[in-house]
N, C-alpha and C. Protein backbone atom coordinates (compact mmCIF):
# COMPACT_ATOMS: atom_id res chain seq x y z
N MET A 1 251.04 226.60 71.63
CA MET A 1 249.95 226.13 72.70
C MET A 1 250.16 228.43 72.80
N ILE A 2 247.81 228.35 73.08
CA ILE A 2 247.76 228.95 72.27
C ILE A 2 247.08 229.18 74.00
N PHE A 3 247.23 230.57 74.98
CA PHE A 3 246.73 230.40 75.75
C PHE A 3 245.96 231.26 75.88
N SER A 4 244.83 231.24 76.74
CA SER A 4 243.89 233.19 77.26
C SER A 4 243.43 232.90 78.64
N ALA A 5 243.40 234.59 78.80
CA ALA A 5 242.72 234.23 80.23
C ALA A 5 242.26 235.86 79.85
N LEU A 6 240.49 234.91 80.81
CA LEU A 6 239.16 234.94 80.53
C LEU A 6 239.40 236.79 82.11
N GLY A 7 239.29 236.37 83.07
CA GLY A 7 239.73 237.42 84.34
C GLY A 7 238.94 236.39 84.47
N THR A 8 238.73 237.18 86.13
CA THR A 8 238.60 236.09 87.15
C THR A 8 236.56 236.88 87.77
N CYS A 9 236.96 238.50 87.49
CA CYS A 9 235.93 239.28 88.14
C CYS A 9 234.37 239.19 87.12
N LEU A 10 234.25 239.03 85.56
CA LEU A 10 232.58 239.14 85.27
C LEU A 10 233.11 238.02 83.68
N PRO A 11 231.98 237.72 83.34
CA PRO A 11 232.04 236.60 82.86
C PRO A 11 231.47 236.90 80.65
N PHE A 12 232.66 236.57 80.23
CA PHE A 12 232.83 236.82 78.81
C PHE A 12 232.41 235.74 77.79
N PRO A 13 231.44 235.72 77.41
CA PRO A 13 230.89 234.44 76.84
C PRO A 13 231.52 234.29 75.58
N ARG A 14 231.56 236.00 75.09
CA ARG A 14 231.93 236.19 73.77
C ARG A 14 233.70 236.03 72.60
N LEU A 15 234.12 236.07 74.23
CA LEU A 15 235.81 235.89 73.27
C LEU A 15 235.02 234.14 74.11
N LEU A 16 234.74 233.84 75.18
CA LEU A 16 235.44 232.18 74.97
C LEU A 16 234.29 231.50 73.90
N ARG A 17 233.22 231.31 73.35
CA ARG A 17 233.02 230.85 71.92
C ARG A 17 233.81 231.14 71.05
N LYS A 18 234.15 231.71 70.59
CA LYS A 18 234.84 232.53 69.66
C LYS A 18 236.65 231.48 69.96
N ILE A 19 236.93 231.04 70.85
CA ILE A 19 238.61 230.63 71.53
C ILE A 19 238.12 228.90 71.35
N ASP A 20 236.85 228.72 71.85
CA ASP A 20 237.32 227.09 71.69
C ASP A 20 236.16 226.96 69.54
N GLU A 21 235.80 227.78 68.83
CA GLU A 21 235.25 228.12 68.24
C GLU A 21 236.74 227.89 67.09
N LEU A 22 237.53 228.85 67.03
CA LEU A 22 239.48 228.75 66.43
C LEU A 22 239.89 227.62 67.01
N ALA A 23 239.54 227.37 68.59
CA ALA A 23 240.69 226.35 69.11
C ALA A 23 239.69 224.58 67.55
N GLY A 24 238.80 224.96 67.09
CA GLY A 24 238.04 223.37 66.93
C GLY A 24 238.69 223.38 65.63
N VAL A 25 239.26 224.76 64.32
CA VAL A 25 239.37 224.35 63.51
C VAL A 25 241.18 224.91 63.05
N MET A 26 242.51 224.81 64.30
CA MET A 26 243.29 225.18 64.44
C MET A 26 244.33 223.92 65.04
N LYS A 27 245.58 223.41 64.62
CA LYS A 27 245.95 222.66 64.77
C LYS A 27 247.03 222.35 66.28
N GLU A 28 246.43 223.13 66.51
CA GLU A 28 247.02 223.61 68.14
C GLU A 28 246.60 223.80 68.85
N GLU A 29 246.92 223.02 70.57
CA GLU A 29 246.01 223.19 72.08
C GLU A 29 245.43 225.10 72.22
N PHE A 30 244.91 224.64 72.64
CA PHE A 30 244.48 225.78 73.40
C PHE A 30 243.94 225.81 74.92
N LEU A 31 244.79 226.28 75.50
CA LEU A 31 244.47 226.85 77.16
C LEU A 31 243.53 227.87 77.75
N VAL A 32 242.45 228.17 78.18
CA VAL A 32 241.87 228.78 79.06
C VAL A 32 241.27 229.22 80.54
N GLN A 33 242.06 230.67 80.91
CA GLN A 33 241.35 230.35 82.17
C GLN A 33 239.98 231.57 82.15
N THR A 34 239.26 230.66 82.42
CA THR A 34 237.96 230.83 82.43
C THR A 34 237.17 231.93 83.91
N GLY A 35 237.58 231.49 84.93
CA GLY A 35 237.32 232.52 85.65
C GLY A 35 235.26 232.27 85.59
N GLN A 36 234.45 233.77 85.66
CA GLN A 36 233.33 233.10 85.75
C GLN A 36 232.98 233.28 84.32
N THR A 37 232.85 232.99 83.47
CA THR A 37 232.43 232.51 82.25
C THR A 37 232.19 231.02 82.23
N GLN A 38 231.49 230.59 81.99
CA GLN A 38 230.57 229.28 82.78
C GLN A 38 230.19 228.87 81.49
N LEU A 39 230.81 228.32 80.08
CA LEU A 39 229.92 227.32 79.12
C LEU A 39 230.74 226.77 78.86
N PRO A 40 229.93 225.51 77.97
CA PRO A 40 230.68 224.57 78.00
C PRO A 40 231.26 224.93 76.51
N VAL A 41 232.60 224.20 76.60
CA VAL A 41 233.70 223.83 75.09
C VAL A 41 233.79 223.21 75.02
N HIS A 42 234.05 222.31 73.44
CA HIS A 42 234.77 221.39 73.25
C HIS A 42 235.57 221.38 71.80
N HIS A 43 236.73 222.08 72.29
CA HIS A 43 237.16 221.71 71.60
C HIS A 43 239.48 222.39 72.22
N CYS A 44 238.73 223.54 73.38
CA CYS A 44 239.88 223.57 74.02
C CYS A 44 239.84 222.75 75.90
N ARG A 45 241.21 223.20 76.75
CA ARG A 45 240.60 223.16 77.55
C ARG A 45 240.47 224.30 78.34
N THR A 46 240.38 224.10 79.66
CA THR A 46 240.01 225.10 80.72
C THR A 46 240.21 225.00 81.92
N PHE A 47 240.10 225.61 83.13
CA PHE A 47 239.83 225.95 83.98
C PHE A 47 240.15 227.39 84.24
N ASP A 48 238.92 227.30 85.78
CA ASP A 48 238.32 228.45 86.72
C ASP A 48 239.82 229.45 86.96
N TYR A 49 240.47 229.18 87.79
CA TYR A 49 241.18 229.87 88.34
C TYR A 49 242.96 229.74 88.65
N ALA A 50 243.31 230.83 88.71
CA ALA A 50 244.87 229.73 89.23
C ALA A 50 245.09 231.30 90.04
N PRO A 51 246.52 230.99 91.02
CA PRO A 51 246.47 231.66 92.20
C PRO A 51 248.44 232.95 91.01
N SER A 52 248.56 232.29 90.44
CA SER A 52 249.33 233.17 89.03
C SER A 52 249.40 232.24 87.93
N LEU A 53 248.81 233.23 86.90
CA LEU A 53 249.46 232.81 85.83
C LEU A 53 250.39 232.50 84.34
N LEU A 54 251.11 233.53 85.36
CA LEU A 54 253.23 233.55 84.58
C LEU A 54 253.11 232.19 84.16
N GLU A 55 253.14 230.89 85.06
CA GLU A 55 253.55 229.54 84.13
C GLU A 55 252.97 229.24 82.94
N TYR A 56 251.47 229.52 82.16
CA TYR A 56 250.94 229.27 81.10
C TYR A 56 251.56 230.19 80.75
N PHE A 57 251.82 231.89 80.47
CA PHE A 57 252.05 232.76 79.76
C PHE A 57 253.38 232.10 79.63
N LYS A 58 254.47 231.51 80.41
CA LYS A 58 255.36 230.69 79.78
C LYS A 58 255.72 230.63 78.50
N GLN A 59 254.71 229.07 78.69
CA GLN A 59 254.34 228.22 78.17
C GLN A 59 253.99 228.80 77.00
N ALA A 60 252.97 229.40 76.81
CA ALA A 60 252.24 229.71 75.69
C ALA A 60 253.25 230.20 74.25
N ARG A 61 252.51 230.36 73.14
CA ARG A 61 253.51 231.21 72.20
C ARG A 61 253.10 232.06 71.64
N LEU A 62 251.46 232.31 72.15
CA LEU A 62 250.93 233.49 72.13
C LEU A 62 249.51 233.29 73.16
N VAL A 63 249.29 234.77 73.78
CA VAL A 63 248.11 235.11 74.46
C VAL A 63 247.14 235.99 74.32
N ILE A 64 245.79 235.60 74.22
CA ILE A 64 244.62 236.27 73.89
C ILE A 64 244.05 236.38 75.53
N VAL A 65 244.14 237.55 75.56
CA VAL A 65 243.69 237.85 77.25
C VAL A 65 242.42 238.90 76.88
N HIS A 66 242.24 239.30 77.92
CA HIS A 66 241.17 240.67 78.25
C HIS A 66 241.82 241.61 78.40
N ALA A 67 240.74 242.45 78.31
CA ALA A 67 242.24 243.87 78.09
C ALA A 67 242.36 244.62 79.79
N GLY A 68 242.67 243.41 81.08
CA GLY A 68 243.02 244.78 82.13
C GLY A 68 244.68 244.94 81.57
N LEU A 69 245.08 246.28 82.67
CA LEU A 69 246.10 246.86 82.60
C LEU A 69 247.22 246.26 82.90
N GLY A 70 247.21 244.83 83.82
CA GLY A 70 248.63 244.59 85.07
C GLY A 70 248.48 243.80 83.74
N VAL A 71 247.65 243.15 83.33
CA VAL A 71 248.11 241.38 83.27
C VAL A 71 248.60 242.06 81.51
N GLN A 72 248.35 243.26 81.04
CA GLN A 72 249.05 243.42 79.47
C GLN A 72 250.60 243.77 79.95
N ILE A 73 250.14 244.72 80.88
CA ILE A 73 251.94 244.79 81.21
C ILE A 73 252.88 244.06 82.13
N GLU A 74 252.48 242.83 82.54
CA GLU A 74 253.05 241.72 82.79
C GLU A 74 253.80 240.94 81.39
N LEU A 75 252.97 241.20 80.76
CA LEU A 75 252.93 240.41 79.35
C LEU A 75 254.59 241.19 78.76
N MET A 76 253.60 242.34 78.62
CA MET A 76 254.94 243.41 77.67
C MET A 76 255.91 243.42 78.65
N ARG A 77 256.13 243.18 79.67
CA ARG A 77 257.23 242.26 80.61
C ARG A 77 258.50 241.40 80.32
N MET A 78 257.25 240.36 80.07
CA MET A 78 257.63 239.01 79.71
C MET A 78 258.27 238.60 77.78
N GLN A 79 258.18 239.69 77.19
CA GLN A 79 258.65 240.15 76.06
C GLN A 79 257.14 238.58 75.09
N LYS A 80 256.31 238.65 75.32
CA LYS A 80 255.13 237.91 75.53
C LYS A 80 254.38 238.38 74.11
N PRO A 81 254.46 237.48 72.84
CA PRO A 81 252.88 237.97 71.81
C PRO A 81 251.88 237.83 72.57
N PHE A 82 250.81 238.74 72.34
CA PHE A 82 249.75 239.18 72.77
C PHE A 82 248.80 239.98 71.64
N ILE A 83 247.52 238.88 71.87
CA ILE A 83 246.40 239.68 71.78
C ILE A 83 245.05 240.23 72.99
N VAL A 84 245.02 241.50 72.32
CA VAL A 84 243.79 241.77 73.73
C VAL A 84 242.28 241.87 73.19
N VAL A 85 241.79 241.69 74.09
CA VAL A 85 240.65 241.24 73.56
C VAL A 85 239.68 242.57 74.41
N PRO A 86 239.39 243.38 74.85
CA PRO A 86 238.49 244.64 75.72
C PRO A 86 236.92 244.00 75.86
N ARG A 87 236.52 243.99 77.22
CA ARG A 87 235.50 243.96 77.41
C ARG A 87 234.88 245.33 76.90
N GLN A 88 233.22 244.99 76.47
CA GLN A 88 232.35 246.18 75.94
C GLN A 88 230.68 246.45 76.50
N LYS A 89 230.89 247.13 76.77
CA LYS A 89 229.35 247.83 77.27
C LYS A 89 228.42 247.12 76.36
N ARG A 90 228.58 247.47 75.02
CA ARG A 90 227.62 247.40 74.60
C ARG A 90 227.13 245.71 74.08
N PHE A 91 228.09 244.90 74.82
CA PHE A 91 227.71 243.62 75.11
C PHE A 91 227.18 243.02 76.63
N HIS A 92 227.05 244.20 76.78
CA HIS A 92 226.83 243.29 78.68
C HIS A 92 228.18 242.94 79.83
N GLU A 93 229.60 242.87 79.00
CA GLU A 93 230.74 243.08 79.59
C GLU A 93 231.49 243.57 80.77
N HIS A 94 230.75 244.82 80.84
CA HIS A 94 231.48 245.67 81.59
C HIS A 94 230.82 247.12 81.97
N PHE A 95 230.52 247.49 82.63
CA PHE A 95 229.67 248.40 82.96
C PHE A 95 229.92 250.15 81.84
N ASP A 96 230.99 250.49 81.26
CA ASP A 96 231.58 251.20 80.39
C ASP A 96 232.64 250.66 79.33
N ASP A 97 232.88 251.37 78.33
CA ASP A 97 233.82 251.27 77.02
C ASP A 97 235.18 251.69 78.08
N HIS A 98 235.77 251.65 79.28
CA HIS A 98 236.95 252.15 79.42
C HIS A 98 237.79 251.02 78.56
N GLN A 99 237.74 249.94 78.84
CA GLN A 99 238.40 249.09 78.04
C GLN A 99 239.19 249.52 77.31
N LEU A 100 237.87 249.51 76.63
CA LEU A 100 238.32 250.36 74.51
C LEU A 100 239.22 251.53 74.43
N GLU A 101 239.00 252.01 75.79
CA GLU A 101 240.08 253.27 75.28
C GLU A 101 241.07 253.20 75.88
N SER A 102 241.86 251.88 76.99
CA SER A 102 242.59 252.06 77.53
C SER A 102 243.23 251.60 76.39
N CYS A 103 242.67 250.15 75.49
CA CYS A 103 243.17 249.63 74.54
C CYS A 103 243.96 250.28 73.61
N GLU A 104 243.01 251.25 72.99
CA GLU A 104 243.47 252.48 71.85
C GLU A 104 244.61 253.09 71.87
N ILE A 105 244.56 253.65 73.78
CA ILE A 105 245.88 254.57 74.12
C ILE A 105 247.31 253.17 74.17
N LEU A 106 247.15 251.92 74.69
CA LEU A 106 248.31 251.60 74.42
C LEU A 106 248.49 251.08 73.15
N ARG A 107 247.66 250.90 72.07
CA ARG A 107 247.67 250.78 70.83
C ARG A 107 248.59 252.23 69.97
N LYS A 108 248.34 252.55 70.18
CA LYS A 108 249.10 254.06 69.68
C LYS A 108 251.11 253.98 70.25
N CYS A 109 250.58 254.33 72.41
CA CYS A 109 252.17 253.80 72.41
C CYS A 109 253.00 253.28 71.99
N TYR A 110 252.81 251.60 72.20
CA TYR A 110 253.35 250.04 71.90
C TYR A 110 253.22 249.75 71.06
N GLY A 111 251.49 250.04 70.42
CA GLY A 111 251.87 248.84 69.24
C GLY A 111 250.67 247.77 69.38
N ILE A 112 250.33 247.84 70.87
CA ILE A 112 249.39 246.27 70.90
C ILE A 112 248.62 246.45 70.55
N LYS A 113 248.28 244.75 69.67
CA LYS A 113 247.16 244.63 69.04
C LYS A 113 245.99 244.22 69.57
N TYR A 114 245.02 245.23 69.44
CA TYR A 114 243.30 244.48 70.25
C TYR A 114 242.40 244.74 68.66
N ILE A 115 241.57 243.82 69.66
CA ILE A 115 240.32 243.47 68.48
C ILE A 115 238.64 243.73 68.77
N GLU A 116 238.99 244.53 68.34
CA GLU A 116 237.02 245.04 68.91
C GLU A 116 235.92 243.94 68.25
N LYS A 117 236.06 244.05 67.13
CA LYS A 117 234.87 242.96 66.22
C LYS A 117 235.47 241.72 66.92
N ILE A 118 234.96 240.52 67.26
CA ILE A 118 235.41 239.23 67.41
C ILE A 118 235.65 238.57 66.58
N GLU A 119 234.83 239.17 65.21
CA GLU A 119 235.36 237.90 64.01
C GLU A 119 236.53 238.84 63.22
N ASP A 120 236.62 239.29 63.83
CA ASP A 120 238.88 240.30 63.57
C ASP A 120 238.91 239.40 64.00
N LEU A 121 239.02 237.73 64.96
CA LEU A 121 240.61 237.22 65.55
C LEU A 121 240.14 235.61 64.59
N THR A 122 241.00 235.84 63.60
CA THR A 122 240.63 234.67 63.19
C THR A 122 242.14 233.42 63.04
N VAL A 123 241.60 232.69 62.39
CA VAL A 123 243.37 231.66 62.43
C VAL A 123 244.06 232.31 61.25
N ASP A 124 243.95 232.67 60.60
CA ASP A 124 245.36 233.55 60.54
C ASP A 124 246.22 234.48 61.19
N LEU A 125 244.79 235.19 61.83
CA LEU A 125 245.71 236.17 62.52
C LEU A 125 246.86 235.38 64.32
N LEU A 126 245.74 234.46 64.56
CA LEU A 126 246.67 233.49 65.14
C LEU A 126 247.28 232.94 65.00
N THR A 127 247.56 232.30 63.58
CA THR A 127 248.83 231.26 63.09
C THR A 127 250.02 232.46 62.83
N HIS A 128 249.80 232.78 62.52
CA HIS A 128 250.91 234.33 62.01
C HIS A 128 252.33 235.53 62.88
N TYR A 129 250.53 235.75 63.77
CA TYR A 129 250.69 236.97 65.05
C TYR A 129 252.40 236.85 66.00
N ASP A 130 253.37 237.28 66.09
CA ASP A 130 254.28 237.64 66.33
C ASP A 130 255.03 238.63 67.63
N TYR A 131 253.93 239.56 66.88
CA TYR A 131 254.51 240.93 67.71
C TYR A 131 255.04 241.39 69.31
N VAL A 132 255.68 241.57 70.06
CA VAL A 132 256.70 241.25 71.01
C VAL A 132 256.96 243.02 70.83
N VAL A 133 255.28 243.37 71.82
CA VAL A 133 255.63 245.31 72.24
C VAL A 133 257.11 245.76 73.23
N PRO A 134 257.74 245.88 72.60
CA PRO A 134 258.99 247.01 72.86
C PRO A 134 259.54 247.43 73.72
N TYR A 135 259.26 246.95 74.66
CA TYR A 135 258.59 246.96 76.38
C TYR A 135 260.54 247.90 76.97
N THR A 136 260.77 248.59 77.88
CA THR A 136 261.35 249.36 78.76
C THR A 136 260.03 249.49 80.07
N ASP A 137 260.92 249.29 81.66
CA ASP A 137 260.40 249.82 82.73
C ASP A 137 261.00 251.04 82.36
N HIS A 138 261.69 252.42 82.37
CA HIS A 138 261.22 253.72 81.52
C HIS A 138 259.86 253.78 80.82
N LYS A 139 259.52 253.40 79.31
CA LYS A 139 258.68 254.08 78.75
C LYS A 139 256.96 253.35 79.34
N LEU A 140 257.48 252.30 81.25
CA LEU A 140 255.98 251.74 81.56
C LEU A 140 256.00 252.60 83.01
N ASN A 141 256.53 253.59 83.44
CA ASN A 141 256.73 254.25 84.36
C ASN A 141 256.20 255.93 83.57
N LEU A 142 256.07 256.26 82.85
CA LEU A 142 256.37 257.24 82.34
C LEU A 142 254.51 257.21 82.16
N PHE A 143 254.09 255.62 81.50
CA PHE A 143 253.45 255.54 81.51
C PHE A 143 252.52 255.82 82.88
N ARG A 144 252.75 254.79 83.76
CA ARG A 144 251.62 254.81 84.95
C ARG A 144 252.06 256.45 85.38
N GLU A 145 253.06 257.25 85.25
CA GLU A 145 252.75 258.44 86.10
C GLU A 145 252.09 259.62 84.81
N ARG A 146 251.04 259.41 83.90
CA ARG A 146 250.32 259.77 82.76
C ARG A 146 248.94 259.28 83.56
N ILE A 147 248.97 258.24 83.73
CA ILE A 147 247.76 257.45 83.90
C ILE A 147 247.29 258.52 85.57
N SER A 148 248.59 258.10 86.42
CA SER A 148 248.02 259.27 87.78
C SER A 148 247.95 260.33 87.19
N GLN A 149 248.64 261.17 86.38
CA GLN A 149 247.78 262.67 86.43
C GLN A 149 246.46 262.76 85.72
N VAL A 150 246.68 261.50 85.02
CA VAL A 150 244.16 261.81 84.68
C VAL A 150 243.70 261.08 85.44
N LEU A 151 244.06 260.40 86.51
CA LEU A 151 243.74 259.79 87.15
C LEU A 151 243.21 261.34 88.48
N THR A 152 244.12 261.72 89.31
CA THR A 152 243.92 263.26 89.91
C THR A 152 243.11 263.99 89.72
N GLN A 153 242.62 264.19 88.45
CA GLN A 153 242.85 265.71 87.26
C GLN A 153 241.41 266.39 88.25
N ASP A 154 240.88 267.19 88.68
CA ASP A 154 240.35 267.48 89.24
C ASP A 154 238.89 268.21 88.22
């Protein structure tokens, strides 16, 4: 099963449309947490909210997520293969491009796979992707310290 979490705060129709398209051609179950994204889908199961996504993450072979740091850190800890699709200002998905910026940092630090152009999210990628971030608590603590330093600079 491929599980996707779009987040709960802002709609993310670009990603939901692409996932539904991929689910229509792949022979694998797709389950999507849609949050505020209200679009009809034809090829995947959906729900809007759950108190925890942990059980869905555990059951999934692959997870596709919005670029929230919390969800990415949780997936890194679980050693679960995941692909990130950051919300982008130009598509009116967020007020700025901080998700692209944080994805680039996580790519450099940990090798996460993120998709900037939605057409790069393909059947071939989803079929063969199995990269697991080499996670350690030490690396995560260093990452948190660096974020705190950046956020508290004058």
